[in-house]
PDB file of N, CA and C in Angstrom:
ATOM      1  N   UNK A   1     218.569 234.685 -14.732  1.00  0.00           N
ATOM      2  CA  UNK A   1     217.589 233.864 -14.068  1.00  0.00           C
ATOM      3  C   UNK A   1     216.257 233.988 -14.805  1.00  0.00           C
ATOM      4  N   UNK A   2     215.986 232.970 -15.586  1.00  0.00           N
ATOM      5  CA  UNK A   2     214.770 232.974 -16.405  1.00  0.00           C
ATOM      6  C   UNK A   2     213.910 231.766 -16.078  1.00  0.00           C
ATOM      7  N   UNK A   3     212.621 231.887 -16.413  1.00  0.00           N
ATOM      8  CA  UNK A   3     211.750 230.719 -16.339  1.00  0.00           C
ATOM      9  C   UNK A   3     211.728 230.109 -17.732  1.00  0.00           C
ATOM     10  N   UNK A   4     212.184 228.869 -17.837  1.00  0.00           N
ATOM     11  CA  UNK A   4     212.313 228.182 -19.116  1.00  0.00           C
ATOM     12  C   UNK A   4     211.076 227.325 -19.356  1.00  0.00           C
ATOM     13  N   UNK A   5     210.431 227.539 -20.500  1.00  0.00           N
ATOM     14  CA  UNK A   5     209.248 226.765 -20.866  1.00  0.00           C
ATOM     15  C   UNK A   5     209.636 225.334 -21.190  1.00  0.00           C
ATOM     16  N   UNK A   6     208.698 224.425 -21.031  1.00  0.00           N
ATOM     17  CA  UNK A   6     208.968 223.027 -21.375  1.00  0.00           C
ATOM     18  C   UNK A   6     208.369 222.719 -22.748  1.00  0.00           C
ATOM     19  N   UNK A   7     208.936 221.701 -23.375  1.00  0.00           N
ATOM     20  CA  UNK A   7     208.348 221.139 -24.585  1.00  0.00           C
ATOM     21  C   UNK A   7     207.814 219.769 -24.220  1.00  0.00           C
ATOM     22  N   UNK A   8     206.798 219.352 -24.925  1.00  0.00           N
ATOM     23  CA  UNK A   8     206.157 218.062 -24.647  1.00  0.00           C
ATOM     24  C   UNK A   8     206.341 217.168 -25.857  1.00  0.00           C
ATOM     25  N   UNK A   9     206.877 215.959 -25.622  1.00  0.00           N
ATOM     26  CA  UNK A   9     207.117 214.991 -26.681  1.00  0.00           C
ATOM     27  C   UNK A   9     206.310 213.732 -26.387  1.00  0.00           C
ATOM     28  N   UNK A  10     205.547 213.299 -27.382  1.00  0.00           N
ATOM     29  CA  UNK A  10     204.759 212.078 -27.233  1.00  0.00           C
ATOM     30  C   UNK A  10     205.677 210.860 -27.194  1.00  0.00           C
ATOM     31  N   UNK A  11     205.190 209.807 -26.559  1.00  0.00           N
ATOM     32  CA  UNK A  11     205.876 208.519 -26.582  1.00  0.00           C
ATOM     33  C   UNK A  11     204.962 207.531 -27.299  1.00  0.00           C
ATOM     34  N   UNK A  12     205.426 206.333 -27.491  1.00  0.00           N
ATOM     35  CA  UNK A  12     204.586 205.311 -28.124  1.00  0.00           C
ATOM     36  C   UNK A  12     203.483 204.822 -27.185  1.00  0.00           C
ATOM     37  N   UNK A  13     203.603 205.159 -25.920  1.00  0.00           N
ATOM     38  CA  UNK A  13     202.591 204.828 -24.926  1.00  0.00           C
ATOM     39  C   UNK A  13     201.652 206.031 -24.831  1.00  0.00           C
ATOM     40  N   UNK A  14     200.384 205.858 -25.135  1.00  0.00           N
ATOM     41  CA  UNK A  14     199.448 206.977 -25.137  1.00  0.00           C
ATOM     42  C   UNK A  14     199.187 207.538 -23.743  1.00  0.00           C
ATOM     43  N   UNK A  15     199.618 206.837 -22.708  1.00  0.00           N
ATOM     44  CA  UNK A  15     199.434 207.318 -21.346  1.00  0.00           C
ATOM     45  C   UNK A  15     200.731 207.869 -20.753  1.00  0.00           C
ATOM     46  N   UNK A  16     201.656 208.293 -21.612  1.00  0.00           N
ATOM     47  CA  UNK A  16     202.933 208.839 -21.141  1.00  0.00           C
ATOM     48  C   UNK A  16     203.427 209.897 -22.122  1.00  0.00           C
ATOM     49  N   UNK A  17     204.232 210.823 -21.596  1.00  0.00           N
ATOM     50  CA  UNK A  17     204.912 211.793 -22.439  1.00  0.00           C
ATOM     51  C   UNK A  17     206.191 212.235 -21.743  1.00  0.00           C
ATOM     52  N   UNK A  18     207.047 212.938 -22.488  1.00  0.00           N
ATOM     53  CA  UNK A  18     208.287 213.474 -21.935  1.00  0.00           C
ATOM     54  C   UNK A  18     208.214 214.997 -21.993  1.00  0.00           C
ATOM     55  N   UNK A  19     208.428 215.631 -20.838  1.00  0.00           N
ATOM     56  CA  UNK A  19     208.551 217.085 -20.756  1.00  0.00           C
ATOM     57  C   UNK A  19     210.032 217.412 -20.682  1.00  0.00           C
ATOM     58  N   UNK A  20     210.468 218.367 -21.492  1.00  0.00           N
ATOM     59  CA  UNK A  20     211.886 218.735 -21.515  1.00  0.00           C
ATOM     60  C   UNK A  20     212.030 220.241 -21.335  1.00  0.00           C
ATOM     61  N   UNK A  21     212.921 220.608 -20.419  1.00  0.00           N
ATOM     62  CA  UNK A  21     213.282 222.007 -20.214  1.00  0.00           C
ATOM     63  C   UNK A  21     214.718 222.168 -20.696  1.00  0.00           C
ATOM     64  N   UNK A  22     214.936 223.016 -21.697  1.00  0.00           N
ATOM     65  CA  UNK A  22     216.294 223.230 -22.212  1.00  0.00           C
ATOM     66  C   UNK A  22     216.297 224.473 -23.093  1.00  0.00           C
ATOM     67  N   UNK A  23     217.414 225.168 -23.124  1.00  0.00           N
ATOM     68  CA  UNK A  23     218.562 224.999 -22.228  1.00  0.00           C
ATOM     69  C   UNK A  23     218.314 225.684 -20.889  1.00  0.00           C
ATOM     70  N   UNK A  24     218.836 225.093 -19.852  1.00  0.00           N
ATOM     71  CA  UNK A  24     218.791 225.679 -18.515  1.00  0.00           C
ATOM     72  C   UNK A  24     220.192 226.168 -18.157  1.00  0.00           C
ATOM     73  N   UNK A  25     220.281 227.405 -17.718  1.00  0.00           N
ATOM     74  CA  UNK A  25     221.563 228.001 -17.349  1.00  0.00           C
ATOM     75  C   UNK A  25     221.567 228.317 -15.856  1.00  0.00           C
ATOM     76  N   UNK A  26     222.650 228.883 -15.409  1.00  0.00           N
ATOM     77  CA  UNK A  26     222.828 229.258 -14.003  1.00  0.00           C
ATOM     78  C   UNK A  26     221.619 230.065 -13.523  1.00  0.00           C
ATOM     79  N   UNK A  27     220.981 229.613 -12.439  1.00  0.00           N
ATOM     80  CA  UNK A  27     219.880 230.337 -11.825  1.00  0.00           C
ATOM     81  C   UNK A  27     218.520 230.182 -12.474  1.00  0.00           C
ATOM     82  N   UNK A  28     218.405 229.422 -13.567  1.00  0.00           N
ATOM     83  CA  UNK A  28     217.124 229.261 -14.251  1.00  0.00           C
ATOM     84  C   UNK A  28     216.181 228.343 -13.480  1.00  0.00           C
ATOM     85  N   UNK A  29     214.892 228.559 -13.695  1.00  0.00           N
ATOM     86  CA  UNK A  29     213.842 227.712 -13.153  1.00  0.00           C
ATOM     87  C   UNK A  29     213.004 227.224 -14.316  1.00  0.00           C
ATOM     88  N   UNK A  30     212.638 225.954 -14.294  1.00  0.00           N
ATOM     89  CA  UNK A  30     211.759 225.420 -15.325  1.00  0.00           C
ATOM     90  C   UNK A  30     210.318 225.799 -15.047  1.00  0.00           C
ATOM     91  N   UNK A  31     209.577 226.065 -16.096  1.00  0.00           N
ATOM     92  CA  UNK A  31     208.150 226.339 -15.976  1.00  0.00           C
ATOM     93  C   UNK A  31     207.485 225.175 -15.249  1.00  0.00           C
ATOM     94  N   UNK A  32     206.721 225.432 -14.209  1.00  0.00           N
ATOM     95  CA  UNK A  32     206.032 224.339 -13.521  1.00  0.00           C
ATOM     96  C   UNK A  32     205.018 223.671 -14.449  1.00  0.00           C
ATOM     97  N   UNK A  33     204.927 222.363 -14.357  1.00  0.00           N
ATOM     98  CA  UNK A  33     203.902 221.647 -15.099  1.00  0.00           C
ATOM     99  C   UNK A  33     202.987 220.958 -14.109  1.00  0.00           C
ATOM    100  N   UNK A  34     201.749 220.829 -14.473  1.00  0.00           N
ATOM    101  CA  UNK A  34     200.773 220.236 -13.576  1.00  0.00           C
ATOM    102  C   UNK A  34     199.973 219.155 -14.262  1.00  0.00           C
ATOM    103  N   UNK A  35     200.454 217.958 -14.216  1.00  0.00           N
ATOM    104  CA  UNK A  35     199.773 216.802 -14.790  1.00  0.00           C
ATOM    105  C   UNK A  35     199.703 215.738 -13.702  1.00  0.00           C
ATOM    106  N   UNK A  36     198.897 215.986 -12.677  1.00  0.00           N
ATOM    107  CA  UNK A  36     198.909 215.121 -11.503  1.00  0.00           C
ATOM    108  C   UNK A  36     198.427 213.708 -11.789  1.00  0.00           C
ATOM    109  N   UNK A  37     197.700 213.486 -12.878  1.00  0.00           N
ATOM    110  CA  UNK A  37     197.264 212.128 -13.200  1.00  0.00           C
ATOM    111  C   UNK A  37     198.450 211.254 -13.645  1.00  0.00           C
ATOM    112  N   UNK A  38     199.582 211.895 -13.954  1.00  0.00           N
ATOM    113  CA  UNK A  38     200.787 211.163 -14.345  1.00  0.00           C
ATOM    114  C   UNK A  38     201.659 210.989 -13.098  1.00  0.00           C
ATOM    115  N   UNK A  39     201.324 210.014 -12.278  1.00  0.00           N
ATOM    116  CA  UNK A  39     201.986 209.893 -10.980  1.00  0.00           C
ATOM    117  C   UNK A  39     203.328 209.167 -11.035  1.00  0.00           C
ATOM    118  N   UNK A  40     203.602 208.397 -12.067  1.00  0.00           N
ATOM    119  CA  UNK A  40     204.924 207.786 -12.227  1.00  0.00           C
ATOM    120  C   UNK A  40     205.805 208.767 -12.987  1.00  0.00           C
ATOM    121  N   UNK A  41     206.954 209.126 -12.375  1.00  0.00           N
ATOM    122  CA  UNK A  41     207.850 210.094 -12.998  1.00  0.00           C
ATOM    123  C   UNK A  41     209.294 209.639 -12.852  1.00  0.00           C
ATOM    124  N   UNK A  42     210.078 209.886 -13.892  1.00  0.00           N
ATOM    125  CA  UNK A  42     211.525 209.772 -13.785  1.00  0.00           C
ATOM    126  C   UNK A  42     212.119 211.019 -14.421  1.00  0.00           C
ATOM    127  N   UNK A  43     213.251 211.461 -13.888  1.00  0.00           N
ATOM    128  CA  UNK A  43     213.885 212.683 -14.367  1.00  0.00           C
ATOM    129  C   UNK A  43     215.299 212.366 -14.824  1.00  0.00           C
ATOM    130  N   UNK A  44     215.683 212.958 -15.962  1.00  0.00           N
ATOM    131  CA  UNK A  44     217.033 212.806 -16.497  1.00  0.00           C
ATOM    132  C   UNK A  44     217.641 214.194 -16.642  1.00  0.00           C
ATOM    133  N   UNK A  45     218.866 214.343 -16.153  1.00  0.00           N
ATOM    134  CA  UNK A  45     219.591 215.597 -16.298  1.00  0.00           C
ATOM    135  C   UNK A  45     220.854 215.314 -17.100  1.00  0.00           C
ATOM    136  N   UNK A  46     221.112 216.147 -18.103  1.00  0.00           N
ATOM    137  CA  UNK A  46     222.290 215.981 -18.952  1.00  0.00           C
ATOM    138  C   UNK A  46     222.826 217.356 -19.338  1.00  0.00           C
ATOM    139  N   UNK A  47     224.077 217.376 -19.770  1.00  0.00           N
ATOM    140  CA  UNK A  47     224.670 218.611 -20.267  1.00  0.00           C
ATOM    141  C   UNK A  47     225.892 219.020 -19.484  1.00  0.00           C
ATOM    142  N   UNK A  48     226.236 220.305 -19.624  1.00  0.00           N
ATOM    143  CA  UNK A  48     227.404 220.870 -18.949  1.00  0.00           C
ATOM    144  C   UNK A  48     226.949 221.483 -17.624  1.00  0.00           C
ATOM    145  N   UNK A  49     227.382 220.896 -16.513  1.00  0.00           N
ATOM    146  CA  UNK A  49     226.936 221.345 -15.204  1.00  0.00           C
ATOM    147  C   UNK A  49     227.639 222.625 -14.755  1.00  0.00           C
ATOM    148  N   UNK A  50     228.919 222.784 -15.069  1.00  0.00           N
ATOM    149  CA  UNK A  50     229.633 224.001 -14.678  1.00  0.00           C
ATOM    150  C   UNK A  50     229.522 224.296 -13.196  1.00  0.00           C
ATOM    151  N   UNK A  51     229.496 223.246 -12.373  1.00  0.00           N
ATOM    152  CA  UNK A  51     229.385 223.406 -10.927  1.00  0.00           C
ATOM    153  C   UNK A  51     227.961 223.520 -10.410  1.00  0.00           C
ATOM    154  N   UNK A  52     226.970 223.438 -11.289  1.00  0.00           N
ATOM    155  CA  UNK A  52     225.563 223.574 -10.891  1.00  0.00           C
ATOM    156  C   UNK A  52     224.976 222.251 -10.424  1.00  0.00           C
ATOM    157  N   UNK A  53     223.835 222.354  -9.761  1.00  0.00           N
ATOM    158  CA  UNK A  53     222.985 221.215  -9.423  1.00  0.00           C
ATOM    159  C   UNK A  53     221.583 221.544  -9.891  1.00  0.00           C
ATOM    160  N   UNK A  54     220.797 220.505 -10.173  1.00  0.00           N
ATOM    161  CA  UNK A  54     219.385 220.688 -10.492  1.00  0.00           C
ATOM    162  C   UNK A  54     218.578 220.139  -9.340  1.00  0.00           C
ATOM    163  N   UNK A  55     217.739 220.989  -8.782  1.00  0.00           N
ATOM    164  CA  UNK A  55     216.831 220.600  -7.713  1.00  0.00           C
ATOM    165  C   UNK A  55     215.474 220.321  -8.354  1.00  0.00           C
ATOM    166  N   UNK A  56     214.929 219.127  -8.130  1.00  0.00           N
ATOM    167  CA  UNK A  56     213.607 218.783  -8.650  1.00  0.00           C
ATOM    168  C   UNK A  56     212.613 219.062  -7.527  1.00  0.00           C
ATOM    169  N   UNK A  57     211.694 219.994  -7.794  1.00  0.00           N
ATOM    170  CA  UNK A  57     210.775 220.450  -6.763  1.00  0.00           C
ATOM    171  C   UNK A  57     209.327 220.118  -7.120  1.00  0.00           C
ATOM    172  N   UNK A  58     208.515 219.959  -6.088  1.00  0.00           N
ATOM    173  CA  UNK A  58     207.096 219.718  -6.271  1.00  0.00           C
ATOM    174  C   UNK A  58     206.278 220.621  -5.382  1.00  0.00           C
ATOM    175  N   UNK A  59     205.014 220.815  -5.771  1.00  0.00           N
ATOM    176  CA  UNK A  59     204.094 221.641  -4.999  1.00  0.00           C
ATOM    177  C   UNK A  59     202.676 221.142  -5.230  1.00  0.00           C
ATOM    178  N   UNK A  60     201.855 221.233  -4.226  1.00  0.00           N
ATOM    179  CA  UNK A  60     200.441 220.907  -4.389  1.00  0.00           C
ATOM    180  C   UNK A  60     199.574 222.152  -4.519  1.00  0.00           C
ATOM    181  N   UNK A  61     200.137 223.335  -4.219  1.00  0.00           N
ATOM    182  CA  UNK A  61     199.364 224.567  -4.359  1.00  0.00           C
ATOM    183  C   UNK A  61     199.953 225.527  -5.392  1.00  0.00           C
ATOM    184  N   UNK A  62     201.101 225.193  -5.980  1.00  0.00           N
ATOM    185  CA  UNK A  62     201.726 226.033  -6.995  1.00  0.00           C
ATOM    186  C   UNK A  62     202.441 227.252  -6.445  1.00  0.00           C
ATOM    187  N   UNK A  63     202.510 227.366  -5.125  1.00  0.00           N
ATOM    188  CA  UNK A  63     203.153 228.514  -4.484  1.00  0.00           C
ATOM    189  C   UNK A  63     204.316 228.071  -3.600  1.00  0.00           C
ATOM    190  N   UNK A  64     204.059 227.089  -2.756  1.00  0.00           N
ATOM    191  CA  UNK A  64     205.067 226.587  -1.819  1.00  0.00           C
ATOM    192  C   UNK A  64     205.712 225.345  -2.410  1.00  0.00           C
ATOM    193  N   UNK A  65     207.046 225.377  -2.560  1.00  0.00           N
ATOM    194  CA  UNK A  65     207.780 224.310  -3.238  1.00  0.00           C
ATOM    195  C   UNK A  65     208.678 223.575  -2.260  1.00  0.00           C
ATOM    196  N   UNK A  66     208.858 222.266  -2.492  1.00  0.00           N
ATOM    197  CA  UNK A  66     209.749 221.445  -1.671  1.00  0.00           C
ATOM    198  C   UNK A  66     210.525 220.507  -2.597  1.00  0.00           C
ATOM    199  N   UNK A  67     211.728 220.151  -2.186  1.00  0.00           N
ATOM    200  CA  UNK A  67     212.550 219.226  -2.960  1.00  0.00           C
ATOM    201  C   UNK A  67     211.920 217.836  -2.889  1.00  0.00           C
ATOM    202  N   UNK A  68     211.772 217.193  -4.039  1.00  0.00           N
ATOM    203  CA  UNK A  68     211.241 215.834  -4.104  1.00  0.00           C
ATOM    204  C   UNK A  68     212.362 214.836  -3.830  1.00  0.00           C
ATOM    205  N   UNK A  69     212.008 213.556  -3.671  1.00  0.00           N
ATOM    206  CA  UNK A  69     213.004 212.544  -3.328  1.00  0.00           C
ATOM    207  C   UNK A  69     212.964 211.370  -4.299  1.00  0.00           C
ATOM    208  N   UNK A  70     214.050 210.579  -4.266  1.00  0.00           N
ATOM    209  CA  UNK A  70     214.099 209.329  -5.019  1.00  0.00           C
ATOM    210  C   UNK A  70     213.539 208.211  -4.132  1.00  0.00           C
ATOM    211  N   UNK A  71     213.396 206.987  -4.660  1.00  0.00           N
ATOM    212  CA  UNK A  71     212.815 205.899  -3.853  1.00  0.00           C
ATOM    213  C   UNK A  71     213.610 205.538  -2.592  1.00  0.00           C
ATOM    214  N   UNK A  72     214.879 205.934  -2.519  1.00  0.00           N
ATOM    215  CA  UNK A  72     215.680 205.671  -1.322  1.00  0.00           C
ATOM    216  C   UNK A  72     215.555 206.786  -0.294  1.00  0.00           C
ATOM    217  N   UNK A  73     214.756 207.817  -0.584  1.00  0.00           N
ATOM    218  CA  UNK A  73     214.563 208.917   0.342  1.00  0.00           C
ATOM    219  C   UNK A  73     215.567 210.042   0.209  1.00  0.00           C
ATOM    220  N   UNK A  74     216.431 209.978  -0.814  1.00  0.00           N
ATOM    221  CA  UNK A  74     217.423 211.025  -1.035  1.00  0.00           C
ATOM    222  C   UNK A  74     216.787 212.203  -1.766  1.00  0.00           C
ATOM    223  N   UNK A  75     217.148 213.422  -1.373  1.00  0.00           N
ATOM    224  CA  UNK A  75     216.684 214.603  -2.084  1.00  0.00           C
ATOM    225  C   UNK A  75     217.131 214.547  -3.536  1.00  0.00           C
ATOM    226  N   UNK A  76     216.246 214.954  -4.436  1.00  0.00           N
ATOM    227  CA  UNK A  76     216.586 215.019  -5.857  1.00  0.00           C
ATOM    228  C   UNK A  76     217.283 216.347  -6.144  1.00  0.00           C
ATOM    229  N   UNK A  77     218.562 216.372  -5.781  1.00  0.00           N
ATOM    230  CA  UNK A  77     219.465 217.477  -6.084  1.00  0.00           C
ATOM    231  C   UNK A  77     220.584 216.838  -6.890  1.00  0.00           C
ATOM    232  N   UNK A  78     220.534 217.033  -8.191  1.00  0.00           N
ATOM    233  CA  UNK A  78     221.359 216.260  -9.128  1.00  0.00           C
ATOM    234  C   UNK A  78     222.516 217.116  -9.623  1.00  0.00           C
ATOM    235  N   UNK A  79     223.751 216.639  -9.406  1.00  0.00           N
ATOM    236  CA  UNK A  79     224.939 217.414  -9.775  1.00  0.00           C
ATOM    237  C   UNK A  79     225.799 216.732 -10.837  1.00  0.00           C
ATOM    238  N   UNK A  80     225.301 215.621 -11.396  1.00  0.00           N
ATOM    239  CA  UNK A  80     225.988 214.964 -12.512  1.00  0.00           C
ATOM    240  C   UNK A  80     224.931 214.246 -13.344  1.00  0.00           C
ATOM    241  N   UNK A  81     225.273 213.942 -14.574  1.00  0.00           N
ATOM    242  CA  UNK A  81     224.312 213.330 -15.493  1.00  0.00           C
ATOM    243  C   UNK A  81     223.788 212.009 -14.934  1.00  0.00           C
ATOM    244  N   UNK A  82     222.458 211.887 -14.877  1.00  0.00           N
ATOM    245  CA  UNK A  82     221.854 210.653 -14.373  1.00  0.00           C
ATOM    246  C   UNK A  82     220.362 210.669 -14.617  1.00  0.00           C
ATOM    247  N   UNK A  83     219.738 209.514 -14.341  1.00  0.00           N
ATOM    248  CA  UNK A  83     218.288 209.359 -14.369  1.00  0.00           C
ATOM    249  C   UNK A  83     217.862 208.854 -13.003  1.00  0.00           C
ATOM    250  N   UNK A  84     216.793 209.449 -12.448  1.00  0.00           N
ATOM    251  CA  UNK A  84     216.276 209.050 -11.136  1.00  0.00           C
ATOM    252  C   UNK A  84     214.758 208.980 -11.186  1.00  0.00           C
ATOM    253  N   UNK A  85     214.196 208.070 -10.417  1.00  0.00           N
ATOM    254  CA  UNK A  85     212.752 208.032 -10.209  1.00  0.00           C
ATOM    255  C   UNK A  85     212.376 209.139  -9.233  1.00  0.00           C
ATOM    256  N   UNK A  86     211.132 209.620  -9.341  1.00  0.00           N
ATOM    257  CA  UNK A  86     210.589 210.611  -8.417  1.00  0.00           C
ATOM    258  C   UNK A  86     209.544 209.898  -7.562  1.00  0.00           C
ATOM    259  N   UNK A  87     209.688 209.980  -6.256  1.00  0.00           N
ATOM    260  CA  UNK A  87     208.800 209.253  -5.355  1.00  0.00           C
ATOM    261  C   UNK A  87     207.429 209.904  -5.206  1.00  0.00           C
ATOM    262  N   UNK A  88     207.402 211.187  -4.948  1.00  0.00           N
ATOM    263  CA  UNK A  88     206.156 211.867  -4.616  1.00  0.00           C
ATOM    264  C   UNK A  88     205.299 212.150  -5.848  1.00  0.00           C
ATOM    265  N   UNK A  89     203.992 212.056  -5.638  1.00  0.00           N
ATOM    266  CA  UNK A  89     203.015 212.479  -6.649  1.00  0.00           C
ATOM    267  C   UNK A  89     202.515 213.846  -6.208  1.00  0.00           C
ATOM    268  N   UNK A  90     202.856 214.886  -6.960  1.00  0.00           N
ATOM    269  CA  UNK A  90     202.454 216.245  -6.613  1.00  0.00           C
ATOM    270  C   UNK A  90     201.669 216.855  -7.771  1.00  0.00           C
ATOM    271  N   UNK A  91     200.922 217.900  -7.469  1.00  0.00           N
ATOM    272  CA  UNK A  91     200.124 218.572  -8.499  1.00  0.00           C
ATOM    273  C   UNK A  91     200.998 219.313  -9.504  1.00  0.00           C
ATOM    274  N   UNK A  92     202.148 219.808  -9.057  1.00  0.00           N
ATOM    275  CA  UNK A  92     203.057 220.575  -9.919  1.00  0.00           C
ATOM    276  C   UNK A  92     204.482 220.085  -9.696  1.00  0.00           C
ATOM    277  N   UNK A  93     205.291 220.185 -10.738  1.00  0.00           N
ATOM    278  CA  UNK A  93     206.700 219.811 -10.637  1.00  0.00           C
ATOM    279  C   UNK A  93     207.511 220.766 -11.509  1.00  0.00           C
ATOM    280  N   UNK A  94     208.764 221.024 -11.092  1.00  0.00           N
ATOM    281  CA  UNK A  94     209.642 221.908 -11.862  1.00  0.00           C
ATOM    282  C   UNK A  94     211.097 221.620 -11.508  1.00  0.00           C
ATOM    283  N   UNK A  95     212.024 221.892 -12.433  1.00  0.00           N
ATOM    284  CA  UNK A  95     213.452 221.851 -12.114  1.00  0.00           C
ATOM    285  C   UNK A  95     213.956 223.261 -11.801  1.00  0.00           C
ATOM    286  N   UNK A  96     214.932 223.349 -10.903  1.00  0.00           N
ATOM    287  CA  UNK A  96     215.551 224.622 -10.548  1.00  0.00           C
ATOM    288  C   UNK A  96     217.065 224.423 -10.586  1.00  0.00           C
ATOM    289  N   UNK A  97     217.768 225.296 -11.312  1.00  0.00           N
ATOM    290  CA  UNK A  97     219.229 225.222 -11.364  1.00  0.00           C
ATOM    291  C   UNK A  97     219.797 226.043 -10.215  1.00  0.00           C
ATOM    292  N   UNK A  98     220.637 225.403  -9.404  1.00  0.00           N
ATOM    293  CA  UNK A  98     221.251 226.036  -8.248  1.00  0.00           C
ATOM    294  C   UNK A  98     222.749 226.128  -8.491  1.00  0.00           C
ATOM    295  N   UNK A  99     223.307 227.309  -8.313  1.00  0.00           N
ATOM    296  CA  UNK A  99     224.739 227.490  -8.513  1.00  0.00           C
ATOM    297  C   UNK A  99     225.094 227.444  -9.983  1.00  0.00           C
ATOM    298  N   UNK A 100     226.329 227.119 -10.244  1.00  0.00           N
ATOM    299  CA  UNK A 100     226.789 227.019 -11.618  1.00  0.00           C
ATOM    300  C   UNK A 100     227.649 228.195 -12.022  1.00  0.00           C
ATOM    301  N   UNK A 101     227.889 228.259 -13.315  1.00  0.00           N
ATOM    302  CA  UNK A 101     228.761 229.296 -13.874  1.00  0.00           C
ATOM    303  C   UNK A 101     228.257 229.649 -15.267  1.00  0.00           C
ATOM    304  N   UNK A 102     229.016 230.459 -15.950  1.00  0.00           N
ATOM    305  CA  UNK A 102     228.661 230.837 -17.316  1.00  0.00           C
ATOM    306  C   UNK A 102     228.693 229.672 -18.284  1.00  0.00           C
ATOM    307  N   UNK A 103     229.269 228.534 -17.864  1.00  0.00           N
ATOM    308  CA  UNK A 103     229.328 227.361 -18.743  1.00  0.00           C
ATOM    309  C   UNK A 103     228.169 226.399 -18.513  1.00  0.00           C
ATOM    310  N   UNK A 104     227.311 226.686 -17.535  1.00  0.00           N
ATOM    311  CA  UNK A 104     226.183 225.794 -17.237  1.00  0.00           C
ATOM    312  C   UNK A 104     225.205 225.787 -18.405  1.00  0.00           C
ATOM    313  N   UNK A 105     224.935 224.600 -18.941  1.00  0.00           N
ATOM    314  CA  UNK A 105     224.038 224.423 -20.089  1.00  0.00           C
ATOM    315  C   UNK A 105     223.409 223.038 -19.950  1.00  0.00           C
ATOM    316  N   UNK A 106     222.225 222.989 -19.320  1.00  0.00           N
ATOM    317  CA  UNK A 106     221.624 221.717 -18.954  1.00  0.00           C
ATOM    318  C   UNK A 106     220.309 221.465 -19.671  1.00  0.00           C
ATOM    319  N   UNK A 107     219.979 220.192 -19.757  1.00  0.00           N
ATOM    320  CA  UNK A 107     218.689 219.736 -20.265  1.00  0.00           C
ATOM    321  C   UNK A 107     218.096 218.811 -19.216  1.00  0.00           C
ATOM    322  N   UNK A 108     216.845 219.084 -18.851  1.00  0.00           N
ATOM    323  CA  UNK A 108     216.136 218.233 -17.903  1.00  0.00           C
ATOM    324  C   UNK A 108     214.942 217.635 -18.632  1.00  0.00           C
ATOM    325  N   UNK A 109     214.882 216.315 -18.662  1.00  0.00           N
ATOM    326  CA  UNK A 109     213.772 215.610 -19.306  1.00  0.00           C
ATOM    327  C   UNK A 109     213.076 214.764 -18.257  1.00  0.00           C
ATOM    328  N   UNK A 110     211.746 214.831 -18.258  1.00  0.00           N
ATOM    329  CA  UNK A 110     210.976 214.068 -17.282  1.00  0.00           C
ATOM    330  C   UNK A 110     209.934 213.232 -18.009  1.00  0.00           C
ATOM    331  N   UNK A 111     209.994 211.924 -17.791  1.00  0.00           N
ATOM    332  CA  UNK A 111     208.971 211.029 -18.296  1.00  0.00           C
ATOM    333  C   UNK A 111     207.834 211.032 -17.285  1.00  0.00           C
ATOM    334  N   UNK A 112     206.620 211.302 -17.764  1.00  0.00           N
ATOM    335  CA  UNK A 112     205.440 211.275 -16.920  1.00  0.00           C
ATOM    336  C   UNK A 112     204.515 210.213 -17.464  1.00  0.00           C
ATOM    337  N   UNK A 113     204.136 209.263 -16.601  1.00  0.00           N
ATOM    338  CA  UNK A 113     203.320 208.137 -17.020  1.00  0.00           C
ATOM    339  C   UNK A 113     202.085 208.037 -16.145  1.00  0.00           C
ATOM    340  N   UNK A 114     200.952 207.936 -16.796  1.00  0.00           N
ATOM    341  CA  UNK A 114     199.682 207.766 -16.076  1.00  0.00           C
ATOM    342  C   UNK A 114     199.556 206.325 -15.616  1.00  0.00           C
ATOM    343  N   UNK A 115     199.194 206.153 -14.361  1.00  0.00           N
ATOM    344  CA  UNK A 115     199.017 204.811 -13.798  1.00  0.00           C
ATOM    345  C   UNK A 115     197.532 204.550 -13.659  1.00  0.00           C
ATOM    346  N   UNK A 116     197.097 203.402 -14.125  1.00  0.00           N
ATOM    347  CA  UNK A 116     195.685 203.020 -14.001  1.00  0.00           C
ATOM    348  C   UNK A 116     195.567 201.733 -13.260  1.00  0.00           C
TER     349      UNK A 116
END
């Protein structure tokens, strides 16, 4: 159970970037990022799940965390490869790997876009 740092990749849009946490294994948590001016977010999870799920969490104080939701109100607990929008705008966001096995090897990428 480690805290995995994110990497930041620029996009062609100067008001957007992609944060990626990888590799994420069983029980890992992604380093929280705090770019609240980037209120439009989508998250992509890919890799070998090995029975794991990725919970996308947000916090406004950096201490108390809650599962974020997609536009349909579903919790962002992702157990297969997909891309989802994130509804809530929070001060901090992070991925958390729940469950899994020794074969869990995931990558979580989040597009963050500033809205003006």
